[in-house]
């Protein structure tokens, strides 16, 4: 299997310093599954290409066979692993380019922090989900993605395409970021690893995903695939990612864990995730309140904002988050309108702000949304948020969603008394949520009604509870 990395930033041979591999040498590195070679097909001041070629020994591969490998005798020796980029190549990268992945270069210490014009090529990549999956995972990271399906047999076009793509990534990225993204996403796209998934895989994922994974719009799917849907490991990883980015996301929201690979039988409908049901409930509440301008407070990476943007019912949509990284991620995804075009007033905007301080930009909206936000606020600071939203901004409607703590007993693997997310400062029962909402409504001139969200349980209620506040003078 082959990986090539090309740069045109002069002097292009600086790539050798970053990779700690001299362009004039061919180097050999023993691997558990074979031998890795590093060489440079071209190397001058204007263009330099480094190649990593991994030769897999089928006998060695059998000795490290994972449980997802074929269990029939011939399949242990005859498979695509010697030829298609996968976790084997990712492991080789981690060993051969370890220092480069950590962003260190003693000879040229300034180089690792410089974004380089890069072209990365993988001629054969297993990609379950096709080119669209590769686009979905790499494009939000700033890459221009060219994923060309590999036909089963060019001589027989009617046979269709194989599950492989020829992938080319082009962009201006730090080399360490590019290598770490490949390290995580190669086995994710293949949905297989050649080794046992141990608890230390969470640490590897967090380390390799630093600076990009926490803000990725598909971080849940990537995390699940990387950790082979091991529920305790997925929950731990998602919690640590949320802590690192101030972008709340419940590890239990997207059940079942295998949501992207599990298909329904013809007789049954696919299960709608709790996150999907919650977003739809919020949109329904906003439409019922006849809201035309909406403020999404604590919008994270813009999942609800994207839905609001797609619905032309809403004439003005604004997202607010305390995380600068989340704001930049939304801008890279193209969520806000271009403010530099004077011919078109911006319909969708985003800006950074804290919810604990009054901000004049919060004022004048028909509705504000706090979707899965309040439980991430320390209780002593919750009063400040109440004053900012219900006292200073005073939209005609406010929609608040939060977990129902009573429902936690229905989640397998969640210990008694534990919360769904390590960043949650609290989780309310239905009575506690109603007591808080009733007090806030009465003290600020609002009425409030309650809506359960998700599969309702006769004993413990629904997994998510929603309160819809309506300002009394705006009630018709």
Protein backbone atom coordinates (compact mmCIF):
# COMPACT_ATOMS: atom_id res chain seq x y z
CA UNK A 1 0.00 0.00 0.00
CA UNK A 2 1.24 3.47 -0.88
CA UNK A 3 0.93 6.99 0.56
CA UNK A 4 2.53 10.04 -1.09
CA UNK A 5 2.85 13.54 0.36
CA UNK A 6 3.78 16.41 -1.95
CA UNK A 7 4.50 20.07 -1.22
CA UNK A 8 5.42 23.00 -3.46
CA UNK A 9 6.35 25.52 -0.77
CA UNK A 10 9.92 26.65 -1.50
CA UNK A 11 12.28 25.27 -0.54
CA UNK A 12 10.15 22.17 -0.93
CA UNK A 13 12.89 19.92 0.43
CA UNK A 14 12.03 21.27 3.88
CA UNK A 15 9.57 18.38 3.84
CA UNK A 16 12.55 16.17 4.67
CA UNK A 17 13.20 18.15 7.86
CA UNK A 18 9.56 17.84 8.93
CA UNK A 19 9.41 14.10 8.30
CA UNK A 20 12.91 13.52 9.72
CA UNK A 21 13.73 11.50 6.61
CA UNK A 22 16.50 12.67 4.25
CA UNK A 23 15.39 13.07 0.58
CA UNK A 24 18.62 11.45 -0.69
CA UNK A 25 18.06 8.19 1.20
CA UNK A 26 15.79 5.19 0.93
CA UNK A 27 14.99 4.00 4.45
CA UNK A 28 13.56 0.72 5.69
CA UNK A 29 11.55 0.19 8.90
CA UNK A 30 10.50 -3.20 10.24
CA UNK A 31 6.81 -3.45 11.19
CA UNK A 32 4.80 -6.12 12.99
CA UNK A 33 3.03 -6.90 9.71
CA UNK A 34 5.89 -6.38 7.26
CA UNK A 35 8.31 -3.68 6.14
CA UNK A 36 7.81 0.06 5.57
CA UNK A 37 9.96 1.99 3.09
CA UNK A 38 10.32 5.77 2.88
CA UNK A 39 11.74 7.35 -0.28
CA UNK A 40 11.42 10.52 -2.37
CA UNK A 41 10.37 10.11 -6.03
CA UNK A 42 11.11 13.82 -6.56
CA UNK A 43 12.95 16.36 -4.44
CA UNK A 44 14.01 19.86 -5.49
CA UNK A 45 13.40 23.41 -4.30
CA UNK A 46 10.09 23.77 -6.16
CA UNK A 47 8.48 20.37 -5.59
CA UNK A 48 9.12 17.52 -3.18
CA UNK A 49 7.26 14.23 -2.75
CA UNK A 50 7.73 11.77 0.09
CA UNK A 51 6.38 8.23 -0.31
CA UNK A 52 5.58 5.66 2.35
CA UNK A 53 5.34 2.14 0.91
CA UNK A 54 4.19 -0.63 3.21
CA UNK A 55 4.92 -4.22 2.19
CA UNK A 56 2.71 -6.56 4.18
CA UNK A 57 3.81 -10.11 4.94
CA UNK A 58 0.63 -12.26 4.98
CA UNK A 59 2.16 -14.66 7.51
CA UNK A 60 2.99 -11.83 9.90
CA UNK A 61 -0.47 -10.38 9.34
CA UNK A 62 -2.10 -13.64 10.45
CA UNK A 63 -0.20 -13.43 13.73
CA UNK A 64 -1.83 -10.06 14.46
CA UNK A 65 -5.23 -10.97 13.05
CA UNK A 66 -8.15 -9.03 14.59
CA UNK A 67 -11.53 -10.53 15.34
CA UNK A 68 -13.12 -8.80 12.31
CA UNK A 69 -10.77 -10.55 9.90
CA UNK A 70 -12.13 -13.45 7.79
CA UNK A 71 -12.36 -16.62 9.86
CA UNK A 72 -11.88 -19.11 7.05
CA UNK A 73 -8.38 -20.47 6.46
CA UNK A 74 -7.63 -19.05 3.02
CA UNK A 75 -8.98 -15.62 3.91
CA UNK A 76 -6.29 -15.24 6.53
CA UNK A 77 -3.68 -15.20 3.78
CA UNK A 78 -5.58 -13.93 0.74
CA UNK A 79 -7.19 -10.51 1.37
CA UNK A 80 -6.82 -6.85 0.48
CA UNK A 81 -4.60 -5.89 3.41
CA UNK A 82 -1.28 -5.88 1.51
CA UNK A 83 -2.67 -3.46 -1.09
CA UNK A 84 -5.35 -1.17 0.41
CA UNK A 85 -4.63 1.65 2.87
CA UNK A 86 -6.08 0.84 6.27
CA UNK A 87 -5.14 0.63 9.94
CA UNK A 88 -1.95 -1.16 8.89
CA UNK A 89 -0.80 1.96 7.05
CA UNK A 90 -1.95 4.16 9.95
CA UNK A 91 0.16 2.09 12.36
CA UNK A 92 3.16 2.34 10.03
CA UNK A 93 2.72 6.12 9.88
CA UNK A 94 2.65 6.30 13.68
CA UNK A 95 5.95 4.44 13.87
CA UNK A 96 7.79 5.96 10.92
CA UNK A 97 6.56 9.56 11.23
CA UNK A 98 6.13 9.69 15.02
CA UNK A 99 8.11 12.91 15.54
CA UNK A 100 6.41 14.64 12.59
CA UNK A 101 2.96 13.72 13.95
CA UNK A 102 3.90 15.34 17.26
CA UNK A 103 4.85 18.55 15.47
CA UNK A 104 8.52 18.59 16.47
CA UNK A 105 11.55 19.53 14.38
CA UNK A 106 14.75 20.30 16.26
CA UNK A 107 16.67 21.33 13.14
CA UNK A 108 13.98 23.82 12.02
CA UNK A 109 11.74 24.46 15.06
CA UNK A 110 9.61 27.04 13.25
CA UNK A 111 8.56 24.68 10.44
CA UNK A 112 5.93 22.50 12.18
CA UNK A 113 3.66 25.49 12.82
CA UNK A 114 3.66 26.61 9.17
CA UNK A 115 0.70 25.50 7.00
CA UNK A 116 2.03 23.97 3.80
CA UNK A 117 0.42 23.51 0.38
CA UNK A 118 0.03 19.73 0.43
CA UNK A 119 -1.22 17.07 -1.93
CA UNK A 120 -1.77 13.67 -0.35
CA UNK A 121 -2.51 10.64 -2.50
CA UNK A 122 -3.76 7.17 -1.59
CA UNK A 123 -4.27 5.09 -4.75
CA UNK A 124 -6.36 2.39 -3.03
CA UNK A 125 -8.41 3.18 0.08
CA UNK A 126 -11.24 1.00 1.42
CA UNK A 127 -14.12 3.42 1.87
CA UNK A 128 -17.40 1.99 3.10
CA UNK A 129 -19.92 4.60 2.04
CA UNK A 130 -18.14 5.52 -1.18
CA UNK A 131 -16.68 8.87 -2.25
CA UNK A 132 -19.40 10.73 -0.34
CA UNK A 133 -18.07 9.33 2.93
CA UNK A 134 -14.54 10.51 2.18
CA UNK A 135 -15.88 13.97 1.28
CA UNK A 136 -17.96 14.07 4.46
CA UNK A 137 -14.98 13.34 6.70
CA UNK A 138 -12.15 15.27 5.01
CA UNK A 139 -13.87 18.35 3.53
CA UNK A 140 -14.78 19.95 6.90
CA UNK A 141 -11.07 19.88 7.74
CA UNK A 142 -10.30 22.24 4.88
CA UNK A 143 -9.28 19.68 2.25
CA UNK A 144 -10.34 19.67 -1.37
CA UNK A 145 -11.32 16.06 -1.84
CA UNK A 146 -11.09 14.00 -5.02
CA UNK A 147 -12.34 10.48 -4.39
CA UNK A 148 -12.62 8.37 -7.53
CA UNK A 149 -14.31 4.96 -7.26
CA UNK A 150 -12.17 2.03 -8.35
CA UNK A 151 -14.15 -0.28 -10.70
CA UNK A 152 -14.37 -3.96 -9.88
CA UNK A 153 -12.94 -4.70 -13.31
CA UNK A 154 -12.35 -2.01 -15.98
CA UNK A 155 -12.98 -4.64 -18.63
CA UNK A 156 -16.49 -5.22 -17.32
CA UNK A 157 -18.06 -1.82 -16.51
CA UNK A 158 -21.45 -3.42 -15.87
CA UNK A 159 -20.05 -5.00 -12.72
CA UNK A 160 -19.95 -1.57 -11.12
CA UNK A 161 -17.55 -0.07 -8.61
CA UNK A 162 -15.64 -1.77 -5.82
CA UNK A 163 -15.61 -0.52 -2.23
CA UNK A 164 -12.28 1.20 -2.90
CA UNK A 165 -11.54 4.77 -3.93
CA UNK A 166 -8.46 6.52 -5.22
CA UNK A 167 -8.18 9.49 -2.86
CA UNK A 168 -6.37 12.78 -3.42
CA UNK A 169 -6.45 15.53 -0.78
CA UNK A 170 -5.30 19.05 -1.59
CA UNK A 171 -5.06 21.90 0.88
CA UNK A 172 -2.91 24.22 2.96
CA UNK A 173 -2.47 22.41 6.26
CA UNK A 174 0.20 21.85 8.89
CA UNK A 175 1.92 18.56 8.17
CA UNK A 176 1.37 17.26 11.71
CA UNK A 177 -2.38 17.91 11.41
CA UNK A 178 -2.52 16.15 8.04
CA UNK A 179 -0.73 13.06 9.37
CA UNK A 180 -2.89 12.86 12.50
CA UNK A 181 -6.08 13.22 10.47
CA UNK A 182 -4.99 10.34 8.23
CA UNK A 183 -4.03 8.25 11.25
CA UNK A 184 -7.58 8.52 12.61
CA UNK A 185 -9.61 8.49 9.41
CA UNK A 186 -7.95 5.63 7.47
CA UNK A 187 -9.29 2.89 9.80
CA UNK A 188 -12.54 4.85 10.20
CA UNK A 189 -13.24 4.76 6.47
CA UNK A 190 -12.27 1.09 6.31
CA UNK A 191 -14.28 0.21 9.46
CA UNK A 192 -11.69 -2.39 10.48
CA UNK A 193 -8.55 -2.63 12.55
CA UNK A 194 -5.92 -5.32 12.51
CA UNK A 195 -5.48 -5.28 16.28
CA UNK A 196 -7.56 -5.50 19.43
CA UNK A 197 -9.30 -2.28 20.54
CA UNK A 198 -7.91 -1.68 24.04
CA UNK A 199 -8.78 1.17 26.45
CA UNK A 200 -5.60 3.04 25.49
CA UNK A 201 -7.14 3.58 22.05
CA UNK A 202 -9.12 6.46 23.60
CA UNK A 203 -5.86 8.21 24.51
CA UNK A 204 -4.53 7.64 21.00
CA UNK A 205 -7.69 9.12 19.49
CA UNK A 206 -7.67 12.18 21.74
CA UNK A 207 -3.98 12.77 21.07
CA UNK A 208 -4.27 12.39 17.28
CA UNK A 209 -7.53 14.37 17.18
CA UNK A 210 -6.20 17.37 19.09
CA UNK A 211 -7.12 20.61 17.39
CA UNK A 212 -9.57 19.20 14.83
CA UNK A 213 -11.70 16.27 15.97
CA UNK A 214 -13.59 18.03 18.76
CA UNK A 215 -15.01 20.58 16.31
CA UNK A 216 -15.67 18.13 13.45
CA UNK A 217 -19.39 17.96 12.57
CA UNK A 218 -19.16 14.14 12.40
CA UNK A 219 -17.03 13.62 15.47
CA UNK A 220 -19.55 11.18 16.97
CA UNK A 221 -19.53 8.92 13.91
CA UNK A 222 -15.74 9.12 13.61
CA UNK A 223 -15.31 8.26 17.29
CA UNK A 224 -17.67 5.31 17.10
CA UNK A 225 -16.04 3.87 14.01
CA UNK A 226 -12.52 4.38 15.36
CA UNK A 227 -13.40 2.61 18.60
CA UNK A 228 -15.42 -0.13 16.88
CA UNK A 229 -18.63 0.91 18.67
CA UNK A 230 -17.30 -0.13 22.10
CA UNK A 231 -19.83 1.75 24.22
CA UNK A 232 -17.68 2.48 27.32
CA UNK A 233 -14.76 3.66 25.18
CA UNK A 234 -17.00 5.78 22.94
CA UNK A 235 -18.63 7.41 25.95
CA UNK A 236 -15.25 8.23 27.49
CA UNK A 237 -13.86 9.63 24.23
CA UNK A 238 -16.88 11.82 23.46
CA UNK A 239 -16.83 13.19 26.98
CA UNK A 240 -13.17 14.15 26.73
CA UNK A 241 -13.70 15.71 23.31
CA UNK A 242 -16.57 17.82 24.62
CA UNK A 243 -14.44 18.97 27.55
CA UNK A 244 -11.70 20.06 25.16
CA UNK A 245 -13.89 22.18 22.90
CA UNK A 246 -16.77 23.66 24.92
CA UNK A 247 -19.06 22.02 22.38
CA UNK A 248 -21.64 20.01 24.33
CA UNK A 249 -22.61 16.63 22.93
CA UNK A 250 -24.09 13.73 24.84
CA UNK A 251 -22.35 10.43 24.25
CA UNK A 252 -25.68 8.68 24.62
CA UNK A 253 -27.65 10.87 22.23
CA UNK A 254 -26.97 8.95 19.06
CA UNK A 255 -28.14 5.47 20.05
CA UNK A 256 -27.71 2.92 18.67
CA UNK A 257 -23.94 3.33 18.64
CA UNK A 258 -23.69 1.69 15.24
CA UNK A 259 -26.02 4.27 13.75
CA UNK A 260 -24.13 4.71 10.49
CA UNK A 261 -23.69 1.04 9.67
CA UNK A 262 -26.84 -0.54 11.08
CA UNK A 263 -29.66 -0.83 8.55
CA UNK A 264 -33.29 -1.57 9.26
CA UNK A 265 -35.05 -4.62 7.95
CA UNK A 266 -37.55 -4.02 5.15
CA UNK A 267 -40.41 -4.33 7.64
CA UNK A 268 -39.12 -1.75 10.12
CA UNK A 269 -38.25 1.92 9.92
CA UNK A 270 -34.71 3.07 10.83
CA UNK A 271 -34.51 4.31 14.40
CA UNK A 272 -34.44 8.10 14.66
CA UNK A 273 -31.73 9.26 17.06
CA UNK A 274 -32.57 11.30 20.13
CA UNK A 275 -30.53 14.21 18.76
CA UNK A 276 -32.67 14.19 15.61
CA UNK A 277 -35.91 14.06 17.60
CA UNK A 278 -34.73 16.90 19.82
CA UNK A 279 -33.85 19.17 16.91
CA UNK A 280 -37.19 18.48 15.24
CA UNK A 281 -39.03 19.25 18.49
CA UNK A 282 -37.22 22.58 18.81
CA UNK A 283 -38.01 23.53 15.21
CA UNK A 284 -41.66 22.59 15.73
CA UNK A 285 -41.84 24.78 18.84
CA UNK A 286 -40.32 27.73 16.98
CA UNK A 287 -42.80 27.38 14.12
CA UNK A 288 -45.69 27.10 16.57
CA UNK A 289 -44.54 30.35 18.18
CA UNK A 290 -44.46 31.94 14.71
CA UNK A 291 -40.83 32.95 15.23
CA UNK A 292 -39.17 34.64 12.28
CA UNK A 293 -35.88 35.65 13.91
CA UNK A 294 -34.04 33.09 16.04
CA UNK A 295 -31.00 33.27 18.34
CA UNK A 296 -29.28 29.92 18.94
CA UNK A 297 -27.41 30.34 22.24
CA UNK A 298 -24.59 27.86 22.85
CA UNK A 299 -24.85 26.65 19.27
CA UNK A 300 -21.68 24.49 19.33
CA UNK A 301 -20.61 23.56 15.81
CA UNK A 302 -23.96 24.58 14.32
CA UNK A 303 -26.05 21.42 14.02
CA UNK A 304 -29.30 23.23 14.85
CA UNK A 305 -28.13 26.35 13.05
CA UNK A 306 -27.77 24.39 9.81
CA UNK A 307 -31.39 23.26 10.09
CA UNK A 308 -32.56 26.78 10.79
CA UNK A 309 -30.64 28.01 7.77
CA UNK A 310 -32.29 25.44 5.50
CA UNK A 311 -35.79 26.44 6.64
CA UNK A 312 -36.77 29.66 4.87
CA UNK A 313 -39.49 30.18 7.48
CA UNK A 314 -36.81 31.82 9.58
CA UNK A 315 -35.84 35.21 8.17
CA UNK A 316 -32.89 35.93 10.48
CA UNK A 317 -30.80 33.26 12.24
CA UNK A 318 -27.88 33.92 14.58
CA UNK A 319 -25.62 31.44 16.35
CA UNK A 320 -23.66 32.28 19.49
CA UNK A 321 -21.02 30.20 21.26
CA UNK A 322 -18.25 30.89 23.76
CA UNK A 323 -15.83 28.66 21.83
CA UNK A 324 -13.80 30.45 19.18
CA UNK A 325 -12.95 27.08 17.64
CA UNK A 326 -16.64 26.27 17.22
CA UNK A 327 -17.22 29.63 15.52
CA UNK A 328 -14.34 29.05 13.11
CA UNK A 329 -15.64 25.55 12.36
CA UNK A 330 -19.05 26.94 11.43
CA UNK A 331 -17.42 29.50 9.16
CA UNK A 332 -15.39 26.81 7.40
CA UNK A 333 -18.60 24.84 6.89
CA UNK A 334 -20.15 27.88 5.22
CA UNK A 335 -22.98 28.27 7.73
CA UNK A 336 -22.91 32.06 8.09
CA UNK A 337 -23.55 34.26 5.08
CA UNK A 338 -20.67 36.26 3.67
CA UNK A 339 -20.77 39.63 5.52
CA UNK A 340 -18.55 41.27 2.88
CA UNK A 341 -21.27 41.22 0.22
CA UNK A 342 -23.18 44.53 0.59
CA UNK A 343 -25.78 43.46 -1.97
CA UNK A 344 -27.13 40.74 0.33
CA UNK A 345 -27.85 41.44 3.99
CA UNK A 346 -26.67 38.48 6.05
CA UNK A 347 -29.54 36.14 6.91
CA UNK A 348 -27.35 33.77 8.94
CA UNK A 349 -24.70 35.10 11.30
CA UNK A 350 -22.44 33.70 14.01
CA UNK A 351 -20.43 35.40 16.71
CA UNK A 352 -18.55 34.57 19.90
CA UNK A 353 -19.99 35.58 23.26
CA UNK A 354 -20.54 34.25 26.78
CA UNK A 355 -24.07 33.68 28.04
CA UNK A 356 -23.26 34.93 31.53
CA UNK A 357 -22.81 38.56 30.42
CA UNK A 358 -25.38 40.88 28.88
CA UNK A 359 -24.76 41.49 25.20
CA UNK A 360 -26.76 44.00 23.14
CA UNK A 361 -26.46 41.67 20.16
CA UNK A 362 -28.79 39.22 21.93
CA UNK A 363 -31.69 41.67 21.79
CA UNK A 364 -34.51 42.00 19.27
CA UNK A 365 -35.16 38.34 18.40
CA UNK A 366 -38.51 36.60 18.27
CA UNK A 367 -37.08 33.50 19.91
CA UNK A 368 -33.97 32.20 21.64
CA UNK A 369 -32.93 28.55 21.93
CA UNK A 370 -30.85 26.89 24.65
CA UNK A 371 -30.64 23.32 23.36
CA UNK A 372 -28.72 21.06 25.76
CA UNK A 373 -26.86 24.05 27.21
CA UNK A 374 -28.05 24.80 30.76
CA UNK A 375 -26.72 21.52 32.20
CA UNK A 376 -23.19 22.58 31.17
CA UNK A 377 -23.38 25.73 33.32
CA UNK A 378 -22.18 25.73 36.92
CA UNK A 379 -25.23 26.19 39.18
CA UNK A 380 -23.87 29.42 40.80
CA UNK A 381 -23.64 30.97 37.31
CA UNK A 382 -27.07 29.85 36.16
CA UNK A 383 -28.74 32.94 37.67
CA UNK A 384 -26.54 35.15 35.49
CA UNK A 385 -27.67 33.27 32.37
CA UNK A 386 -31.31 33.64 33.44
CA UNK A 387 -30.83 37.40 33.79
CA UNK A 388 -29.12 37.70 30.41
CA UNK A 389 -31.69 35.65 28.47
CA UNK A 390 -35.00 36.34 30.23
CA UNK A 391 -34.18 39.75 31.71
CA UNK A 392 -31.92 41.64 29.29
CA UNK A 393 -32.52 40.00 25.89
CA UNK A 394 -36.21 39.21 26.56
CA UNK A 395 -37.18 37.48 23.31
CA UNK A 396 -40.86 36.77 22.79
CA UNK A 397 -40.15 33.02 23.20
CA UNK A 398 -37.41 30.91 24.74
CA UNK A 399 -36.99 27.17 24.07
CA UNK A 400 -34.91 25.19 26.57
CA UNK A 401 -34.05 21.48 26.38
CA UNK A 402 -32.11 19.44 28.95
CA UNK A 403 -31.70 15.76 29.89
CA UNK A 404 -34.27 14.09 32.13
CA UNK A 405 -32.21 12.56 34.94
CA UNK A 406 -34.93 10.03 35.74
CA UNK A 407 -34.47 8.41 32.33
CA UNK A 408 -30.81 7.60 32.99
CA UNK A 409 -31.73 4.23 34.50
CA UNK A 410 -32.74 3.12 31.00
CA UNK A 411 -29.20 3.53 29.63
CA UNK A 412 -27.11 0.37 29.75
CA UNK A 413 -23.70 0.82 31.30
CA UNK A 414 -24.50 4.12 33.07
CA UNK A 415 -23.78 3.71 36.78
CA UNK A 416 -26.40 4.61 39.38
CA UNK A 417 -26.27 8.34 40.05
CA UNK A 418 -23.95 9.02 37.11
CA UNK A 419 -24.69 11.69 34.55
CA UNK A 420 -24.84 11.18 30.79
CA UNK A 421 -21.88 13.42 30.09
CA UNK A 422 -18.78 14.21 32.18
CA UNK A 423 -19.15 17.92 31.39
CA UNK A 424 -22.68 18.09 32.82
CA UNK A 425 -22.71 20.13 36.02
CA UNK A 426 -26.13 18.75 36.94
CA UNK A 427 -29.07 16.85 35.48
CA UNK A 428 -32.61 17.62 36.60
CA UNK A 429 -35.54 15.35 37.26
CA UNK A 430 -38.83 16.40 35.73
CA UNK A 431 -39.92 17.98 39.02
CA UNK A 432 -36.64 19.88 39.39
CA UNK A 433 -36.80 21.17 35.83
CA UNK A 434 -40.41 22.29 36.29
CA UNK A 435 -39.55 24.04 39.56
CA UNK A 436 -36.72 25.95 37.86
CA UNK A 437 -38.75 26.84 34.78
CA UNK A 438 -41.82 27.90 36.80
CA UNK A 439 -39.65 30.19 38.93
CA UNK A 440 -37.89 31.75 35.93
CA UNK A 441 -41.19 32.27 34.10
CA UNK A 442 -42.95 33.84 37.09
CA UNK A 443 -40.01 36.14 37.87
CA UNK A 444 -39.61 37.46 34.33
CA UNK A 445 -43.17 37.75 32.99
CA UNK A 446 -43.31 34.54 30.95
CA UNK A 447 -45.65 31.59 30.72
CA UNK A 448 -44.19 28.11 30.30
CA UNK A 449 -45.35 24.76 28.98
CA UNK A 450 -43.54 21.42 28.91
CA UNK A 451 -42.95 18.98 26.04
CA UNK A 452 -41.38 15.50 26.42
CA UNK A 453 -38.91 14.60 23.67
CA UNK A 454 -37.95 11.06 22.67
CA UNK A 455 -39.37 7.66 23.46
CA UNK A 456 -41.67 8.09 26.46
CA UNK A 457 -41.38 5.64 29.34
CA UNK A 458 -44.41 5.23 31.59
CA UNK A 459 -42.26 5.18 34.72
CA UNK A 460 -39.45 7.66 34.09
CA UNK A 461 -40.73 9.88 31.27
CA UNK A 462 -38.86 10.87 28.10
CA UNK A 463 -35.07 11.13 27.79
CA UNK A 464 -35.18 14.85 27.00
CA UNK A 465 -37.43 17.47 28.57
CA UNK A 466 -38.27 20.72 26.83
CA UNK A 467 -39.76 23.95 28.18
CA UNK A 468 -41.28 26.57 25.86
CA UNK A 469 -41.44 30.02 27.47
CA UNK A 470 -43.73 32.70 26.03
CA UNK A 471 -43.53 36.33 27.14
CA UNK A 472 -46.91 37.26 28.58
CA UNK A 473 -47.33 40.57 26.73
CA UNK A 474 -46.64 38.73 23.45
CA UNK A 475 -49.28 36.06 24.12
CA UNK A 476 -52.29 36.45 21.88
